[in-house]
Structure formats: C-alpha cells, structure tokens
Amino acid sequence: MFKWLTAGVIILLLAGPLNAQRLNANDPDSLLIYLKSEGLKAHLEKDDYGDPKIVVHHGGSSFSMYFYGCTSGRNCTSIQFFTGYRTEGAWTIEQANAWNKERRYTRAYVSEGGSARLEMDVHSGTDGFSDRGFANHFKLWTRNMTDFEGVIGW
C-alpha cells in the first residue's frame, strides 16, 4: 500500500509542471491571454511585415512585443520587447553605451531621429515557456523599462 501511495504522490508532483500553461511565440494568443490575465491592457496587431505584434499598456507607458523567426506570419520562434521615447536628441550614444555596459539583458540605443530605444530579445523555440518562465522574462523587462524611464527622465 505504501509503495502505491508513494508512486501516486510522485505522479501528482510530476504532473503539475507537465500541465502548466505553455506560452509560445508561435502562439501569440497564448501570450495575449497571459498578459490580460495579469490585468494588463493589451491587443494583438500585425507589424509592417505581416508578423504578429502585441501592444501592451503597463503603468503609464506602453511597449510592443514583436515576433521574429516567423514564416509568413506564423510559427514564430522568438519575441522582442521594444519601447521608444522621443527625447529630441537628449539621449546620447554615450548614455546608451553606459546603460548597455551595466545591464545584461536589455540593450539601449539612439534612433536615427535622436530618440531613446530599449529592446530585449527572448527565444521561445518550439517548446515555449511555462507561465512562470514567461513571467520572469516579463518582470525583468518591466523592471528595466521602468529603470530606463528614470535614466532618460521620462
């Protein structure tokens, strides 16, 4: 009896992670549903290449999630968190380089028009992420975005 009970407990413990929600770049709706379940205002669009794009409103800011590695707008393998701020040239290459030197996951740059830009790429591959795994990426992004807004004086 004890062996059966032990085996049952082990199966239940293993089944939990197997049944966890999978979020994947090849299923933009899975990411959209997750974002909305977190209370965020978000909607799905298409970018200029016909690939999926999710626009997210977070706090007083907004950002986009672009999908990459797509074939004809489908079967995408990665996403990029992206935001930009019109700084009228006040954000410099030197400041962007200083940001990039201190941070591992996000990268900042100055656009051709002199605006501040921030990006973070995340590869989901074909297996995707658990909701908890995606939540970790999302928290890292939003924390860096908030820090970036402070640095550029937004």
Protein backbone atom coordinates (compact mmCIF):
# COMPACT_ATOMS: atom_id res chain seq x y z
CA MET A 1 0.00 0.00 0.00
CA PHE A 2 2.79 2.42 0.91
CA LYS A 3 4.50 1.81 -2.48
CA TRP A 4 1.26 2.65 -4.34
CA LEU A 5 0.72 5.77 -2.25
CA THR A 6 4.31 6.92 -2.80
CA ALA A 7 4.04 6.28 -6.53
CA GLY A 8 0.76 8.24 -6.64
CA VAL A 9 2.30 11.22 -4.86
CA ILE A 10 5.28 11.22 -7.22
CA ILE A 11 3.00 11.10 -10.26
CA LEU A 12 0.96 14.03 -8.94
CA LEU A 13 4.09 16.06 -8.25
CA LEU A 14 5.39 15.41 -11.73
CA ALA A 15 2.03 16.04 -13.40
CA GLY A 16 1.81 19.61 -12.05
CA PRO A 17 4.62 21.04 -14.18
CA LEU A 18 3.53 18.99 -17.18
CA ASN A 19 0.07 20.53 -17.03
CA ALA A 20 1.36 24.09 -16.60
CA GLN A 21 0.29 26.55 -19.25
CA ARG A 22 2.75 26.82 -22.14
CA LEU A 23 3.33 30.23 -23.66
CA ASN A 24 4.98 30.37 -27.03
CA ALA A 25 6.00 32.82 -29.75
CA ASN A 26 4.30 30.53 -32.28
CA ASP A 27 1.01 31.13 -30.44
CA PRO A 28 0.67 34.91 -29.91
CA ASP A 29 -2.78 34.41 -28.40
CA SER A 30 -1.21 32.45 -25.52
CA LEU A 31 0.92 35.47 -24.66
CA LEU A 32 -2.00 37.87 -25.09
CA ILE A 33 -4.20 35.78 -22.78
CA TYR A 34 -1.42 35.69 -20.19
CA LEU A 35 -0.95 39.48 -20.30
CA LYS A 36 -4.67 40.11 -19.95
CA SER A 37 -4.88 37.61 -17.07
CA GLU A 38 -2.31 39.81 -15.31
CA GLY A 39 -4.70 42.76 -15.62
CA LEU A 40 -2.84 44.48 -18.45
CA LYS A 41 -4.44 46.20 -21.37
CA ALA A 42 -3.03 44.53 -24.48
CA HIS A 43 -4.09 43.85 -28.05
CA LEU A 44 -2.79 41.86 -30.99
CA GLU A 45 -1.88 43.53 -34.28
CA LYS A 46 0.31 42.78 -37.29
CA ASP A 47 3.59 44.56 -37.91
CA ASP A 48 4.70 46.01 -41.25
CA TYR A 49 5.87 42.54 -42.37
CA GLY A 50 2.63 40.76 -41.52
CA ASP A 51 4.07 39.16 -38.37
CA PRO A 52 2.22 39.31 -35.04
CA LYS A 53 2.76 42.25 -32.71
CA ILE A 54 1.27 42.74 -29.25
CA VAL A 55 0.89 46.29 -27.91
CA VAL A 56 0.88 46.40 -24.11
CA HIS A 57 -0.05 49.24 -21.75
CA HIS A 58 1.83 48.94 -18.48
CA GLY A 59 1.51 51.63 -15.84
CA GLY A 60 1.69 54.96 -17.63
CA SER A 61 3.74 53.58 -20.51
CA SER A 62 3.28 51.26 -23.43
CA PHE A 63 5.55 48.89 -25.28
CA SER A 64 5.38 46.39 -28.11
CA MET A 65 6.19 42.73 -28.36
CA TYR A 66 7.43 41.92 -31.86
CA PHE A 67 7.56 38.34 -33.12
CA TYR A 68 10.59 37.01 -35.02
CA GLY A 69 11.65 33.85 -36.82
CA CYS A 70 8.19 33.71 -38.41
CA THR A 71 7.27 32.09 -41.69
CA SER A 72 4.51 34.02 -43.45
CA GLY A 73 3.38 35.50 -40.12
CA ARG A 74 3.24 32.10 -38.37
CA ASN A 75 5.42 29.62 -36.50
CA CYS A 76 7.47 32.37 -34.81
CA THR A 77 10.33 31.32 -32.54
CA SER A 78 11.15 34.47 -30.57
CA ILE A 79 9.82 37.77 -29.33
CA GLN A 80 11.34 41.16 -28.77
CA PHE A 81 10.13 43.58 -26.13
CA PHE A 82 10.52 47.10 -27.52
CA THR A 83 9.83 50.64 -26.40
CA GLY A 84 10.90 54.05 -27.59
CA TYR A 85 10.78 57.59 -26.25
CA ARG A 86 11.04 60.89 -28.10
CA THR A 87 13.89 62.61 -26.37
CA GLU A 88 14.67 65.13 -29.13
CA GLY A 89 18.35 64.22 -29.09
CA ALA A 90 18.77 64.50 -25.31
CA TRP A 91 19.55 60.75 -25.09
CA THR A 92 23.13 60.29 -26.30
CA ILE A 93 25.16 57.38 -27.62
CA GLU A 94 27.42 57.73 -24.59
CA GLN A 95 24.43 57.34 -22.26
CA ALA A 96 23.21 54.33 -24.23
CA ASN A 97 26.68 52.76 -24.03
CA ALA A 98 26.76 53.34 -20.27
CA TRP A 99 23.34 51.68 -19.93
CA ASN A 100 24.45 48.68 -22.01
CA LYS A 101 27.67 48.31 -20.03
CA GLU A 102 25.73 47.96 -16.77
CA ARG A 103 22.87 45.72 -17.96
CA ARG A 104 23.00 42.27 -19.39
CA TYR A 105 19.55 41.55 -20.83
CA THR A 106 18.30 44.80 -22.31
CA ARG A 107 20.02 46.98 -24.84
CA ALA A 108 19.58 50.68 -25.36
CA TYR A 109 20.39 52.79 -28.39
CA VAL A 110 19.70 56.11 -30.04
CA SER A 111 17.46 56.06 -33.10
CA GLU A 112 18.33 57.96 -36.27
CA GLY A 113 15.87 60.64 -35.13
CA GLY A 114 17.58 61.00 -31.73
CA SER A 115 15.01 59.06 -29.70
CA ALA A 116 15.83 56.67 -26.85
CA ARG A 117 15.12 53.00 -27.60
CA LEU A 118 15.15 49.90 -25.40
CA GLU A 119 14.89 46.24 -26.50
CA MET A 120 15.06 42.76 -25.04
CA ASP A 121 15.00 39.56 -27.10
CA VAL A 122 13.58 36.29 -25.77
CA HIS A 123 13.83 32.99 -27.62
CA SER A 124 10.95 30.59 -27.01
CA GLY A 125 11.88 27.99 -29.61
CA THR A 126 9.30 25.33 -30.32
CA ASP A 127 8.87 24.32 -26.67
CA GLY A 128 7.94 27.78 -25.37
CA PHE A 129 7.91 28.77 -21.71
CA SER A 130 5.82 27.93 -18.71
CA ASP A 131 3.69 30.82 -17.49
CA ARG A 132 6.15 31.19 -14.61
CA GLY A 133 9.11 31.27 -17.01
CA PHE A 134 7.49 33.94 -19.15
CA ALA A 135 6.54 35.89 -16.01
CA ASN A 136 10.24 36.04 -15.09
CA HIS A 137 11.13 37.49 -18.53
CA PHE A 138 8.23 39.92 -18.28
CA LYS A 139 9.26 41.14 -14.82
CA LEU A 140 12.84 41.59 -15.99
CA TRP A 141 11.60 43.64 -18.95
CA THR A 142 9.23 45.87 -16.99
CA ARG A 143 11.81 46.48 -14.25
CA ASN A 144 14.40 47.50 -16.86
CA MET A 145 11.86 49.62 -18.73
CA THR A 146 10.98 51.48 -15.52
CA ASP A 147 14.68 51.99 -14.71
CA PHE A 148 15.29 53.21 -18.26
CA GLU A 149 12.48 55.75 -17.99
CA GLY A 150 14.15 57.07 -14.83
CA VAL A 151 17.53 57.35 -16.53
CA ILE A 152 16.16 59.23 -19.55
CA GLY A 153 13.99 61.45 -17.34
CA TRP A 154 10.68 60.24 -18.75
